[in-house]
Amino acid sequence: MKYIICGLDRIGLMVAKALIDLKEDVTIITKNKDESDLFVIRDSISNYIEGDARSREILKLAGIDHADYFLIFTNNENRNIEINCRAKEIRPDIKTALLIKNVSYAKIIEQGFDANCVFHIPSIVTLPIVSACINKNILHTIKTRENDYFLGSIDCDEHPYLFNKTIGEIENTYHVKIINHFKPGEEFSYSSTSNNNVVMGGSLLYLATEELNFNNIHENKAGIHFDQMISETTRRFDFFKGLVIPAGIRRVIALYAILILLSTIIFKIYLGLSVINAVYFVITTTSTVGYGDFNLQNAPFWMKIYGCVIMLAGAALLATLFSAITDNIISKRLGGYVNLYNKKFKDHVIVAGIGSIGLGVVKKLHQMRIKTIVIEKNPDSPNIAGLRNTLPLLLGDASEAKVLLKAGIKEAKTLVALIDDDLNNINIILKGNSLNSQLNTVARIFSNELNKKAKDTFHIDNVISAASIAVPHIICSLIHKHIIWAGYFDNNIYAFFKLESPQHLFNKNKNHLLETFGLHPVLIERNGSVLPVDNETTFIEQDQIFIFSEYQTIKNFFNGKS
């Protein structure tokens, strides 16, 4: 297959490198052949075209007449659309893919500008990050009409009690579906039949449902069991129930009302004022306005002292009241501040940073009813408004212990660092681990070098790069649009995708798909129900088949080369 890639930002560069590693024919269009980032692939590719991809001549020179895919990854949405339109003028049948920053533009670009694939990176990476928040072994959450299915992977070396157990024993004991057993040093094969034994150095790819409470496998004195955490974390947690006026403001108002009532009675009795005049005099005195129409010039000495006291007390109470109201109004504007100090949190997720990816993550966590607290350092962040009246927000620096403690770090289940600074994210995780050693931790790391070392060096459970999640998804989505998850195992790309049962598969079974096409069917969606695929299952019209396979096999199947 021939690919043309325009734009070498982080995503474009990593897509190019991945395609080159897959032995695909790649041509790069760049405005500057001397860009520093090109060194990553410079030795692997010779097809560089320097120029503006909006130019017909440049596109012709890049070989658009015989290319299969044209990937447009510049950092300017309008330029991407212009390049797409120019490419379609030359080759109406070429498959194009664009990156966008605003997900609301996706349908407009697909329908109005004839783009085959439109990618919004935050949308691609949100569910994998949310899945990692639930448990460190979960790669992705698969949404179906009936259940949420969790696609996960475990390293067999971390669970030696699984050695020499058969796949069938593990499935029956833990009520999970083992999709594949990756064995060290062996080429990919579907070695997950029930009689195969688990070996050292391998990994298991599994599928589980929320109802089965499949989670961390661990060993204890009573034997092996799975933590039953998912149902607890998905319990309804309504932070805003009954919230009307903050308690501090209510207390100040109550004290001021008592002061007015007591002083009104005293002035009515001892100064002979009517009730309305007494109230008027008290308010002008406590607010230090003092018009002079009523005064204490001829009052007894003790009453003058009392007048001084209520002036000072009234001024203090009003200053406190106005300050509290102002703080509350500002906090409401910043997205619904909640008094965290009066809430007890347990088994919740703390998310530090609400950039474009962070905002999507916290919204999805809230949608899944997983209790979440957000920490944001910048009070002027434009994404704060997106949390209004949905999630509790704590303004502060998540790398400071006092801020994490206010967010309930000692009782938290997961800490997620999604700030646009690799070292700061690592620092936040280190601080969180020092306060709660049992935390499940997730950190977003941009740098490939840091990404490789951070997990082992800093004991981070999940080190996530948006690019590393998005790249295999993008590459597989070019072949088939209904990709659910794509990722790397043993330096190869694998994908989990949905396929509407084609006519040539009617009345065929799992073994036919495996032997003929190399595809591994795992689930089928039939008449609104999702069912596991076994050796007796045959496919019928309107079945939606959930399939796992590696990149080359998927490519051959959809290109008719199987």
Protein backbone atom coordinates (compact mmCIF):
# COMPACT_ATOMS: atom_id res chain seq x y z
CA MET A 1 0.00 0.00 0.00
CA LYS A 2 1.22 3.50 -0.77
CA TYR A 3 0.70 6.30 1.76
CA ILE A 4 1.32 10.02 1.42
CA ILE A 5 1.67 11.90 4.71
CA CYS A 6 1.45 15.67 4.91
CA GLY A 7 2.47 17.33 8.17
CA LEU A 8 5.06 16.01 10.61
CA ASP A 9 3.86 17.10 14.00
CA ARG A 10 3.97 14.48 16.77
CA ILE A 11 1.08 12.41 15.35
CA GLY A 12 2.19 12.61 11.73
CA LEU A 13 5.75 11.65 12.59
CA MET A 14 4.72 8.63 14.69
CA VAL A 15 2.21 7.45 12.04
CA ALA A 16 4.94 7.67 9.42
CA LYS A 17 7.37 5.71 11.60
CA ALA A 18 4.76 3.03 12.38
CA LEU A 19 3.89 2.58 8.71
CA ILE A 20 7.57 2.32 7.78
CA ASP A 21 8.04 -0.34 10.47
CA LEU A 22 5.10 -2.20 8.89
CA LYS A 23 7.01 -2.15 5.55
CA GLU A 24 4.50 0.17 3.90
CA ASP A 25 5.45 2.56 1.08
CA VAL A 26 5.47 6.06 2.60
CA THR A 27 6.06 9.46 1.01
CA ILE A 28 6.42 12.59 3.15
CA ILE A 29 5.38 16.10 2.12
CA THR A 30 6.95 18.75 4.31
CA LYS A 31 7.60 22.46 3.98
CA ASN A 32 11.07 22.06 5.45
CA LYS A 33 13.16 18.95 4.78
CA ASP A 34 15.57 20.04 7.48
CA GLU A 35 13.01 19.84 10.29
CA SER A 36 14.72 18.48 13.40
CA ASP A 37 12.04 15.83 14.01
CA LEU A 38 12.78 14.16 10.67
CA PHE A 39 15.87 12.49 12.10
CA VAL A 40 13.58 9.86 13.64
CA ILE A 41 12.72 8.44 10.20
CA ARG A 42 15.40 10.01 7.98
CA ASP A 43 17.37 6.76 7.62
CA SER A 44 14.25 4.72 6.85
CA ILE A 45 12.72 6.74 4.05
CA SER A 46 13.98 8.45 0.92
CA ASN A 47 10.70 9.83 -0.42
CA TYR A 48 10.71 13.45 0.77
CA ILE A 49 8.87 16.16 -1.09
CA GLU A 50 9.52 19.70 0.03
CA GLY A 51 6.71 22.17 -0.63
CA ASP A 52 3.11 23.17 0.06
CA ALA A 53 0.65 20.27 -0.24
CA ARG A 54 -2.03 22.67 -1.47
CA SER A 55 -0.09 22.82 -4.72
CA ARG A 56 -1.24 20.50 -7.51
CA GLU A 57 2.35 20.12 -8.71
CA ILE A 58 3.57 19.03 -5.27
CA LEU A 59 0.80 16.45 -4.96
CA LYS A 60 1.59 15.10 -8.43
CA LEU A 61 5.27 14.91 -7.53
CA ALA A 62 4.39 12.97 -4.35
CA GLY A 63 2.64 10.34 -6.47
CA ILE A 64 -0.99 11.05 -5.65
CA ASP A 65 -2.09 9.44 -8.94
CA HIS A 66 -1.18 5.97 -7.66
CA ALA A 67 -1.38 6.42 -3.86
CA ASP A 68 -3.88 4.47 -1.77
CA TYR A 69 -4.10 6.81 1.25
CA PHE A 70 -3.43 10.49 1.80
CA LEU A 71 -3.01 11.47 5.46
CA ILE A 72 -3.24 15.18 6.25
CA PHE A 73 -1.82 15.98 9.69
CA THR A 74 -0.83 19.66 9.70
CA ASN A 75 -1.68 21.67 12.83
CA ASN A 76 -4.09 23.94 10.94
CA GLU A 77 -7.64 22.64 10.40
CA ASN A 78 -8.44 25.03 7.56
CA ARG A 79 -5.23 24.09 5.73
CA ASN A 80 -6.06 20.39 6.20
CA ILE A 81 -9.46 20.93 4.54
CA GLU A 82 -7.86 22.87 1.66
CA ILE A 83 -5.32 20.09 1.09
CA ASN A 84 -8.09 17.46 1.21
CA CYS A 85 -10.14 19.36 -1.38
CA ARG A 86 -7.12 19.71 -3.67
CA ALA A 87 -6.35 15.98 -3.39
CA LYS A 88 -9.96 15.04 -4.19
CA GLU A 89 -9.89 17.30 -7.26
CA ILE A 90 -6.95 15.32 -8.59
CA ARG A 91 -8.04 11.86 -7.36
CA PRO A 92 -11.72 11.69 -6.33
CA ASP A 93 -11.29 8.03 -5.31
CA ILE A 94 -8.25 8.46 -3.05
CA LYS A 95 -8.87 7.73 0.63
CA THR A 96 -8.08 10.77 2.76
CA ALA A 97 -7.72 11.19 6.52
CA LEU A 98 -7.58 14.49 8.46
CA LEU A 99 -6.79 15.59 12.00
CA ILE A 100 -9.16 18.08 13.62
CA LYS A 101 -9.12 19.94 16.94
CA ASN A 102 -12.87 20.48 17.28
CA VAL A 103 -14.88 17.24 17.32
CA SER A 104 -18.07 19.07 16.30
CA TYR A 105 -16.55 19.61 12.85
CA ALA A 106 -16.17 15.87 12.14
CA LYS A 107 -19.48 15.23 10.37
CA ILE A 108 -19.26 18.53 8.47
CA ILE A 109 -15.84 17.62 7.11
CA GLU A 110 -16.77 14.01 6.29
CA GLN A 111 -20.02 14.92 4.52
CA GLY A 112 -19.23 18.35 3.10
CA PHE A 113 -15.61 17.83 2.06
CA ASP A 114 -15.64 14.12 1.20
CA ALA A 115 -13.01 13.08 3.75
CA ASN A 116 -12.93 9.33 4.37
CA CYS A 117 -11.63 9.50 7.96
CA VAL A 118 -11.63 12.39 10.42
CA PHE A 119 -9.64 11.96 13.62
CA HIS A 120 -10.02 13.90 16.86
CA ILE A 121 -7.19 12.82 19.15
CA PRO A 122 -8.90 13.56 22.53
CA SER A 123 -11.88 11.42 21.44
CA ILE A 124 -9.59 8.51 20.56
CA VAL A 125 -7.62 8.53 23.82
CA THR A 126 -10.41 9.30 26.31
CA LEU A 127 -11.76 5.75 26.80
CA PRO A 128 -8.33 4.09 27.13
CA ILE A 129 -7.38 6.63 29.82
CA VAL A 130 -10.72 6.18 31.61
CA SER A 131 -10.24 2.40 31.42
CA ALA A 132 -6.79 2.75 33.01
CA CYS A 133 -8.44 4.77 35.79
CA ILE A 134 -10.71 1.82 36.60
CA ASN A 135 -7.83 -0.66 36.70
CA LYS A 136 -4.22 -0.68 35.56
CA ASN A 137 -4.74 -3.83 33.45
CA ILE A 138 -7.69 -2.51 31.43
CA LEU A 139 -6.86 -1.28 27.91
CA HIS A 140 -10.28 -0.19 26.73
CA THR A 141 -13.98 -0.14 27.66
CA ILE A 142 -16.30 -1.57 25.02
CA LYS A 143 -19.81 -0.17 25.17
CA THR A 144 -22.69 -2.41 24.09
CA ARG A 145 -26.44 -2.18 24.55
CA GLU A 146 -26.41 -4.61 27.48
CA ASN A 147 -23.05 -4.32 29.25
CA ASP A 148 -19.74 -2.59 29.39
CA TYR A 149 -16.99 -5.03 28.44
CA PHE A 150 -13.46 -4.46 29.65
CA LEU A 151 -10.60 -5.40 27.34
CA GLY A 152 -7.52 -5.99 29.44
CA SER A 153 -4.03 -7.44 29.48
CA ILE A 154 -2.00 -8.98 32.30
CA ASP A 155 1.68 -9.87 32.42
CA CYS A 156 1.90 -13.54 33.43
CA ASP A 157 5.24 -12.98 35.22
CA GLU A 158 3.45 -10.71 37.70
CA HIS A 159 1.05 -13.56 38.57
CA PRO A 160 3.17 -16.73 38.93
CA TYR A 161 0.25 -18.66 40.41
CA LEU A 162 -1.21 -18.77 36.89
CA PHE A 163 1.73 -20.79 35.50
CA ASN A 164 0.83 -24.23 34.16
CA LYS A 165 -2.87 -23.53 34.57
CA THR A 166 -4.81 -24.09 31.38
CA ILE A 167 -6.71 -21.31 29.62
CA GLY A 168 -9.92 -23.22 30.33
CA GLU A 169 -9.17 -23.35 34.07
CA ILE A 170 -8.54 -19.59 34.19
CA GLU A 171 -11.74 -18.83 32.26
CA ASN A 172 -13.84 -21.07 34.49
CA THR A 173 -12.27 -19.85 37.74
CA TYR A 174 -12.41 -16.13 37.03
CA HIS A 175 -15.36 -16.03 34.58
CA VAL A 176 -13.44 -14.18 31.90
CA LYS A 177 -12.89 -14.71 28.19
CA ILE A 178 -9.22 -15.16 27.27
CA ILE A 179 -8.84 -13.72 23.78
CA ASN A 180 -5.22 -14.65 23.32
CA HIS A 181 -2.12 -15.90 25.13
CA PHE A 182 0.96 -14.10 23.76
CA LYS A 183 3.97 -16.35 24.22
CA PRO A 184 7.52 -14.97 24.32
CA GLY A 185 9.67 -15.50 21.24
CA GLU A 186 6.83 -16.98 19.19
CA GLU A 187 5.05 -15.54 16.18
CA PHE A 188 1.46 -14.51 16.71
CA SER A 189 -1.06 -17.32 16.83
CA TYR A 190 -4.42 -17.80 18.52
CA SER A 191 -3.08 -19.95 21.33
CA SER A 192 -6.03 -19.47 23.66
CA THR A 193 -7.66 -22.88 23.31
CA SER A 194 -8.86 -24.25 26.63
CA ASN A 195 -6.18 -26.95 26.92
CA ASN A 196 -3.15 -24.69 26.47
CA ASN A 197 -1.08 -23.89 29.55
CA VAL A 198 0.02 -20.42 30.61
CA VAL A 199 3.81 -20.03 30.30
CA MET A 200 6.34 -17.68 31.88
CA GLY A 201 7.14 -14.47 30.05
CA GLY A 202 3.82 -14.37 28.25
CA SER A 203 0.79 -12.14 28.56
CA LEU A 204 -2.96 -12.74 28.51
CA LEU A 205 -5.44 -10.58 26.63
CA TYR A 206 -8.85 -10.96 28.26
CA LEU A 207 -12.42 -9.72 28.10
CA ALA A 208 -14.63 -9.29 31.18
CA THR A 209 -17.92 -7.68 32.11
CA GLU A 210 -18.72 -5.25 34.91
CA GLU A 211 -21.23 -7.70 36.39
CA LEU A 212 -18.49 -10.30 36.82
CA ASN A 213 -16.45 -7.77 38.82
CA PHE A 214 -13.27 -8.84 37.05
CA ASN A 215 -10.36 -6.76 38.22
CA ASN A 216 -6.92 -7.06 39.78
CA ILE A 217 -5.75 -10.63 40.07
CA HIS A 218 -3.82 -11.11 43.28
CA GLU A 219 -2.85 -13.73 45.78
CA ASN A 220 -3.61 -13.78 49.50
CA LYS A 221 -3.67 -16.24 52.38
CA ALA A 222 -7.16 -17.36 51.52
CA GLY A 223 -6.18 -18.06 47.92
CA ILE A 224 -6.50 -16.28 44.60
CA HIS A 225 -9.39 -13.94 43.98
CA PHE A 226 -10.40 -10.80 42.10
CA ASP A 227 -10.97 -7.45 43.79
CA GLN A 228 -14.63 -6.46 43.58
CA MET A 229 -14.03 -2.79 43.00
CA ILE A 230 -15.82 -1.86 39.79
CA SER A 231 -19.34 -1.96 41.22
CA GLU A 232 -18.15 0.20 44.13
CA THR A 233 -16.50 2.80 41.90
CA THR A 234 -19.54 3.03 39.66
CA ARG A 235 -21.91 3.75 42.54
CA ARG A 236 -23.84 7.00 42.28
CA PHE A 237 -21.98 9.85 43.99
CA ASP A 238 -23.98 13.07 43.91
CA PHE A 239 -21.76 15.87 45.19
CA PHE A 240 -24.36 18.58 44.69
CA LYS A 241 -27.36 17.06 46.42
CA GLY A 242 -28.94 19.59 48.77
CA LEU A 243 -26.37 22.30 48.09
CA VAL A 244 -28.10 25.74 48.33
CA ILE A 245 -26.18 28.26 50.45
CA PRO A 246 -22.71 27.49 51.85
CA ALA A 247 -22.70 26.93 55.62
CA GLY A 248 -20.24 29.80 56.24
CA ILE A 249 -22.56 32.32 54.62
CA ARG A 250 -25.55 30.96 56.54
CA ARG A 251 -23.70 31.38 59.85
CA VAL A 252 -22.72 34.99 59.12
CA ILE A 253 -26.29 35.88 58.09
CA ALA A 254 -27.64 34.27 61.29
CA LEU A 255 -25.23 36.24 63.51
CA TYR A 256 -26.07 39.50 61.75
CA ALA A 257 -29.81 38.82 62.11
CA ILE A 258 -29.37 38.17 65.88
CA LEU A 259 -27.40 41.43 66.23
CA ILE A 260 -30.15 43.41 64.45
CA LEU A 261 -32.95 41.80 66.50
CA LEU A 262 -31.24 42.32 69.87
CA SER A 263 -30.24 45.93 69.09
CA THR A 264 -33.73 46.78 67.78
CA ILE A 265 -35.26 45.67 71.11
CA ILE A 266 -32.69 47.66 73.16
CA PHE A 267 -33.10 50.90 71.16
CA LYS A 268 -36.91 50.63 71.17
CA ILE A 269 -37.01 50.24 74.96
CA TYR A 270 -34.30 52.68 76.05
CA LEU A 271 -34.51 55.34 73.29
CA GLY A 272 -38.28 55.22 72.88
CA LEU A 273 -38.10 54.58 69.11
CA SER A 274 -40.77 52.86 67.07
CA VAL A 275 -39.95 49.42 65.73
CA ILE A 276 -39.31 50.67 62.19
CA ASN A 277 -37.14 53.57 63.42
CA ALA A 278 -35.22 51.21 65.73
CA VAL A 279 -34.52 48.81 62.86
CA TYR A 280 -33.48 51.74 60.66
CA PHE A 281 -31.12 53.09 63.34
CA VAL A 282 -29.54 49.65 63.95
CA ILE A 283 -28.85 49.05 60.24
CA THR A 284 -27.36 52.54 59.67
CA THR A 285 -25.20 52.03 62.79
CA THR A 286 -23.96 48.50 62.01
CA SER A 287 -23.28 49.42 58.40
CA THR A 288 -21.39 52.56 59.65
CA VAL A 289 -23.51 54.81 57.37
CA GLY A 290 -24.82 57.06 60.22
CA TYR A 291 -27.05 59.70 58.59
CA GLY A 292 -27.30 61.65 61.84
CA ASP A 293 -31.11 61.83 62.05
CA PHE A 294 -30.84 59.45 65.03
CA ASN A 295 -27.82 59.38 67.37
CA LEU A 296 -26.62 58.48 70.85
CA GLN A 297 -25.44 61.98 71.83
CA ASN A 298 -27.77 62.21 74.86
CA ALA A 299 -27.85 58.46 75.61
CA PRO A 300 -26.41 56.96 78.81
CA PHE A 301 -22.74 56.04 78.92
CA TRP A 302 -23.35 52.26 78.68
CA MET A 303 -25.52 52.73 75.57
CA LYS A 304 -22.76 54.71 73.84
CA ILE A 305 -20.39 51.81 74.57
CA TYR A 306 -22.99 49.40 73.20
CA GLY A 307 -23.30 51.58 70.06
CA CYS A 308 -19.51 51.34 69.53
CA VAL A 309 -19.63 47.56 69.95
CA ILE A 310 -22.40 47.03 67.39
CA MET A 311 -20.67 49.37 64.91
CA LEU A 312 -17.48 47.28 65.06
CA ALA A 313 -19.36 43.97 65.11
CA GLY A 314 -21.63 45.02 62.25
CA ALA A 315 -18.72 46.19 60.10
CA ALA A 316 -16.86 42.91 60.71
CA LEU A 317 -19.91 40.75 59.96
CA LEU A 318 -20.81 42.66 56.79
CA ALA A 319 -17.22 42.53 55.54
CA THR A 320 -17.15 38.77 56.16
CA LEU A 321 -20.53 38.29 54.49
CA PHE A 322 -19.64 40.27 51.35
CA SER A 323 -16.30 38.47 51.10
CA ALA A 324 -17.94 35.04 51.38
CA ILE A 325 -20.61 35.93 48.81
CA THR A 326 -17.97 37.25 46.40
CA ASP A 327 -15.87 34.09 46.77
CA ASN A 328 -18.92 31.95 46.18
CA ILE A 329 -19.96 33.88 43.05
CA ILE A 330 -16.44 33.65 41.59
CA SER A 331 -16.23 29.96 42.38
CA LYS A 332 -19.60 29.37 40.72
CA ARG A 333 -18.30 31.16 37.63
CA LEU A 334 -15.26 28.90 37.66
CA GLY A 335 -17.40 25.83 37.30
CA GLY A 336 -19.26 24.92 40.43
CA TYR A 337 -16.88 24.90 43.38
CA VAL A 338 -17.94 22.53 46.12
CA ASN A 339 -16.84 22.65 49.74
CA LEU A 340 -14.56 19.60 49.68
CA TYR A 341 -13.69 19.86 53.35
CA ASN A 342 -17.19 18.77 54.41
CA LYS A 343 -17.26 15.71 52.13
CA LYS A 344 -15.77 12.31 52.82
CA PHE A 345 -14.33 10.65 49.72
CA LYS A 346 -13.44 7.02 49.23
CA ASP A 347 -12.38 4.95 46.23
CA HIS A 348 -12.60 7.99 43.97
CA VAL A 349 -10.52 9.16 41.02
CA ILE A 350 -8.44 12.34 41.24
CA VAL A 351 -7.72 13.97 37.87
CA ALA A 352 -5.00 16.63 37.76
CA GLY A 353 -5.26 18.91 34.74
CA ILE A 354 -8.23 19.60 32.47
CA GLY A 355 -6.78 20.32 29.07
CA SER A 356 -8.53 19.03 25.95
CA ILE A 357 -7.87 15.40 26.94
CA GLY A 358 -8.44 15.92 30.67
CA LEU A 359 -11.85 17.48 30.07
CA GLY A 360 -12.95 14.51 27.96
CA VAL A 361 -11.69 12.07 30.59
CA VAL A 362 -13.52 13.67 33.53
CA LYS A 363 -16.74 13.97 31.54
CA LYS A 364 -16.58 10.30 30.62
CA LEU A 365 -15.84 9.32 34.24
CA HIS A 366 -18.86 11.35 35.35
CA GLN A 367 -20.99 9.75 32.64
CA MET A 368 -19.95 6.31 33.92
CA ARG A 369 -20.90 7.46 37.46
CA ILE A 370 -17.38 7.03 38.78
CA LYS A 371 -16.80 9.53 41.57
CA THR A 372 -14.19 12.03 40.51
CA ILE A 373 -12.45 15.12 41.87
CA VAL A 374 -10.70 17.52 39.51
CA ILE A 375 -7.61 19.55 40.42
CA GLU A 376 -6.75 22.51 38.18
CA LYS A 377 -3.96 24.99 38.82
CA ASN A 378 -5.08 27.66 36.35
CA PRO A 379 -8.29 29.45 37.45
CA ASP A 380 -8.56 30.99 33.97
CA SER A 381 -8.60 27.65 32.15
CA PRO A 382 -11.30 27.79 29.44
CA ASN A 383 -12.27 24.17 30.19
CA ILE A 384 -13.38 24.92 33.74
CA ALA A 385 -16.71 26.13 32.39
CA GLY A 386 -17.23 22.64 30.91
CA LEU A 387 -17.44 21.22 34.45
CA ARG A 388 -20.13 23.60 35.68
CA ASN A 389 -22.53 21.86 38.07
CA THR A 390 -21.16 18.40 37.24
CA LEU A 391 -17.96 17.66 39.17
CA PRO A 392 -16.18 19.08 42.22
CA LEU A 393 -13.25 21.30 41.32
CA LEU A 394 -10.28 22.09 43.53
CA LEU A 395 -8.13 25.01 42.40
CA GLY A 396 -4.50 24.40 43.28
CA ASP A 397 -1.19 22.75 42.38
CA ALA A 398 -1.61 18.96 42.33
CA SER A 399 2.10 18.49 43.04
CA GLU A 400 1.60 19.95 46.53
CA ALA A 401 0.76 17.51 49.31
CA LYS A 402 -1.78 19.85 50.94
CA VAL A 403 -3.80 20.04 47.71
CA LEU A 404 -3.79 16.26 47.24
CA LEU A 405 -4.81 15.78 50.87
CA LYS A 406 -7.77 18.16 50.38
CA ALA A 407 -8.78 16.03 47.41
CA GLY A 408 -8.78 12.93 49.63
CA ILE A 409 -5.66 11.26 48.26
CA LYS A 410 -5.39 8.85 51.20
CA GLU A 411 -8.79 7.36 50.38
CA ALA A 412 -8.52 7.66 46.59
CA LYS A 413 -8.39 4.66 44.25
CA THR A 414 -6.69 6.33 41.27
CA LEU A 415 -4.58 9.41 40.60
CA VAL A 416 -4.42 10.64 36.99
CA ALA A 417 -1.90 13.32 35.93
CA LEU A 418 -2.86 14.90 32.58
CA ILE A 419 -0.96 18.21 32.70
CA ASP A 420 0.93 19.33 29.58
CA ASP A 421 4.29 18.85 31.28
CA ASP A 422 5.95 15.42 31.53
CA LEU A 423 8.11 16.12 34.57
CA ASN A 424 5.25 17.78 36.42
CA ASN A 425 3.05 14.73 35.77
CA ILE A 426 5.76 12.45 37.15
CA ASN A 427 6.16 14.75 40.16
CA ILE A 428 2.41 14.60 40.86
CA ILE A 429 2.45 10.79 40.73
CA LEU A 430 5.48 10.60 43.04
CA LYS A 431 3.79 12.92 45.53
CA GLY A 432 0.58 10.88 45.35
CA ASN A 433 2.43 7.59 45.90
CA SER A 434 4.19 9.08 48.93
CA LEU A 435 0.79 9.83 50.48
CA ASN A 436 -0.96 6.60 49.41
CA SER A 437 1.16 3.64 48.37
CA GLN A 438 -1.90 1.66 47.21
CA LEU A 439 -2.86 4.14 44.47
CA ASN A 440 -3.51 3.09 40.91
CA THR A 441 -1.58 5.76 38.97
CA VAL A 442 -1.93 7.04 35.41
CA ALA A 443 0.38 9.65 33.88
CA ARG A 444 0.34 11.29 30.48
CA ILE A 445 3.89 11.45 29.11
CA PHE A 446 4.68 13.11 25.75
CA SER A 447 8.37 12.20 25.42
CA ASN A 448 9.01 8.72 24.01
CA GLU A 449 12.23 8.46 26.02
CA LEU A 450 10.51 9.33 29.30
CA ASN A 451 7.57 7.13 28.37
CA LYS A 452 9.79 4.03 28.25
CA LYS A 453 11.52 4.71 31.57
CA ALA A 454 8.80 6.30 33.69
CA LYS A 455 6.78 3.16 34.38
CA ASP A 456 9.65 1.15 35.86
CA THR A 457 11.74 3.98 37.31
CA PHE A 458 8.92 5.90 38.98
CA HIS A 459 6.51 2.98 39.62
CA ILE A 460 3.68 4.44 37.53
CA ASP A 461 1.02 1.82 36.78
CA ASN A 462 0.02 3.26 33.41
CA VAL A 463 2.20 5.62 31.38
CA ILE A 464 0.07 6.94 28.53
CA SER A 465 1.00 8.93 25.46
CA ALA A 466 -1.86 10.31 23.39
CA ALA A 467 0.18 9.69 20.26
CA SER A 468 1.00 6.07 21.13
CA ILE A 469 -2.72 5.37 21.67
CA ALA A 470 -3.86 7.27 18.59
CA VAL A 471 -1.32 5.99 16.04
CA PRO A 472 -2.36 2.29 15.88
CA HIS A 473 -6.01 3.38 15.98
CA ILE A 474 -5.46 5.73 13.01
CA ILE A 475 -3.56 3.13 10.98
CA CYS A 476 -6.21 0.44 11.50
CA SER A 477 -9.10 2.87 10.96
CA LEU A 478 -7.80 3.60 7.48
CA ILE A 479 -8.53 -0.03 6.62
CA HIS A 480 -11.81 -0.39 8.54
CA LYS A 481 -13.77 2.43 10.15
CA HIS A 482 -15.30 0.43 13.01
CA ILE A 483 -12.14 -0.03 15.07
CA ILE A 484 -12.92 -0.29 18.79
CA TRP A 485 -9.36 -0.58 20.08
CA ALA A 486 -5.91 -0.86 18.50
CA GLY A 487 -2.55 -1.19 20.17
CA TYR A 488 0.84 -2.84 20.29
CA PHE A 489 1.81 -6.33 21.44
CA ASP A 490 5.31 -7.65 20.78
CA ASN A 491 6.02 -4.67 18.48
CA ASN A 492 3.11 -5.50 16.20
CA ILE A 493 -0.24 -3.76 15.87
CA TYR A 494 -3.41 -5.60 16.87
CA ALA A 495 -7.00 -4.41 16.73
CA PHE A 496 -10.39 -5.24 18.17
CA PHE A 497 -13.12 -4.24 15.73
CA LYS A 498 -16.76 -4.72 14.85
CA LEU A 499 -17.82 -6.32 11.56
CA GLU A 500 -21.33 -6.59 10.18
CA SER A 501 -21.61 -10.23 9.14
CA PRO A 502 -21.06 -10.33 5.34
CA GLN A 503 -23.09 -12.73 3.22
CA HIS A 504 -20.18 -15.09 2.57
CA LEU A 505 -19.97 -15.75 6.36
CA PHE A 506 -23.62 -16.77 6.80
CA ASN A 507 -23.87 -20.19 8.47
CA LYS A 508 -20.10 -20.22 9.01
CA ASN A 509 -18.53 -20.64 12.44
CA LYS A 510 -15.54 -19.45 14.48
CA ASN A 511 -13.16 -22.05 13.05
CA HIS A 512 -13.97 -20.97 9.51
CA LEU A 513 -13.01 -17.37 10.28
CA LEU A 514 -9.82 -18.49 12.01
CA GLU A 515 -8.68 -20.97 9.37
CA THR A 516 -9.75 -19.05 6.27
CA PHE A 517 -9.04 -15.44 7.22
CA GLY A 518 -6.99 -15.58 10.43
CA LEU A 519 -9.65 -13.55 12.26
CA HIS A 520 -10.59 -14.38 15.86
CA PRO A 521 -14.31 -13.72 16.61
CA VAL A 522 -14.90 -13.07 20.32
CA LEU A 523 -18.46 -11.72 20.65
CA ILE A 524 -21.54 -11.32 18.50
CA GLU A 525 -24.33 -8.79 18.89
CA ARG A 526 -27.56 -10.46 17.82
CA ASN A 527 -31.11 -9.11 18.21
CA GLY A 528 -29.96 -6.59 20.80
CA SER A 529 -28.07 -9.15 22.91
CA VAL A 530 -24.30 -9.66 23.12
CA LEU A 531 -23.16 -13.28 23.26
CA PRO A 532 -19.73 -14.95 23.49
CA VAL A 533 -18.60 -16.83 20.41
CA ASP A 534 -17.84 -20.52 20.90
CA ASN A 535 -17.13 -23.37 18.50
CA GLU A 536 -20.84 -24.04 18.07
CA THR A 537 -21.78 -20.46 17.11
CA THR A 538 -22.75 -19.90 13.48
CA PHE A 539 -23.14 -16.44 11.99
CA ILE A 540 -26.41 -15.22 10.53
CA GLU A 541 -27.67 -12.13 8.76
CA GLN A 542 -27.44 -8.84 10.74
CA ASP A 543 -24.96 -10.26 13.25
CA GLN A 544 -22.43 -7.74 14.52
CA ILE A 545 -19.20 -9.70 15.09
CA PHE A 546 -16.52 -8.42 17.48
CA ILE A 547 -13.17 -9.60 16.13
CA PHE A 548 -9.56 -9.52 17.33
CA SER A 549 -6.65 -9.78 14.91
CA GLU A 550 -3.30 -8.36 13.92
CA TYR A 551 -2.79 -5.56 11.43
CA GLN A 552 -1.59 -7.52 8.39
CA THR A 553 -4.43 -10.03 8.68
CA ILE A 554 -7.04 -7.26 8.92
CA LYS A 555 -5.47 -5.49 5.95
CA ASN A 556 -5.52 -8.68 3.84
CA PHE A 557 -9.13 -9.42 4.77
CA PHE A 558 -10.50 -6.02 3.78
CA ASN A 559 -8.33 -5.79 0.67
CA GLY A 560 -9.53 -9.20 -0.51
CA LYS A 561 -6.14 -10.89 -0.22
CA SER A 562 -7.14 -13.63 2.24
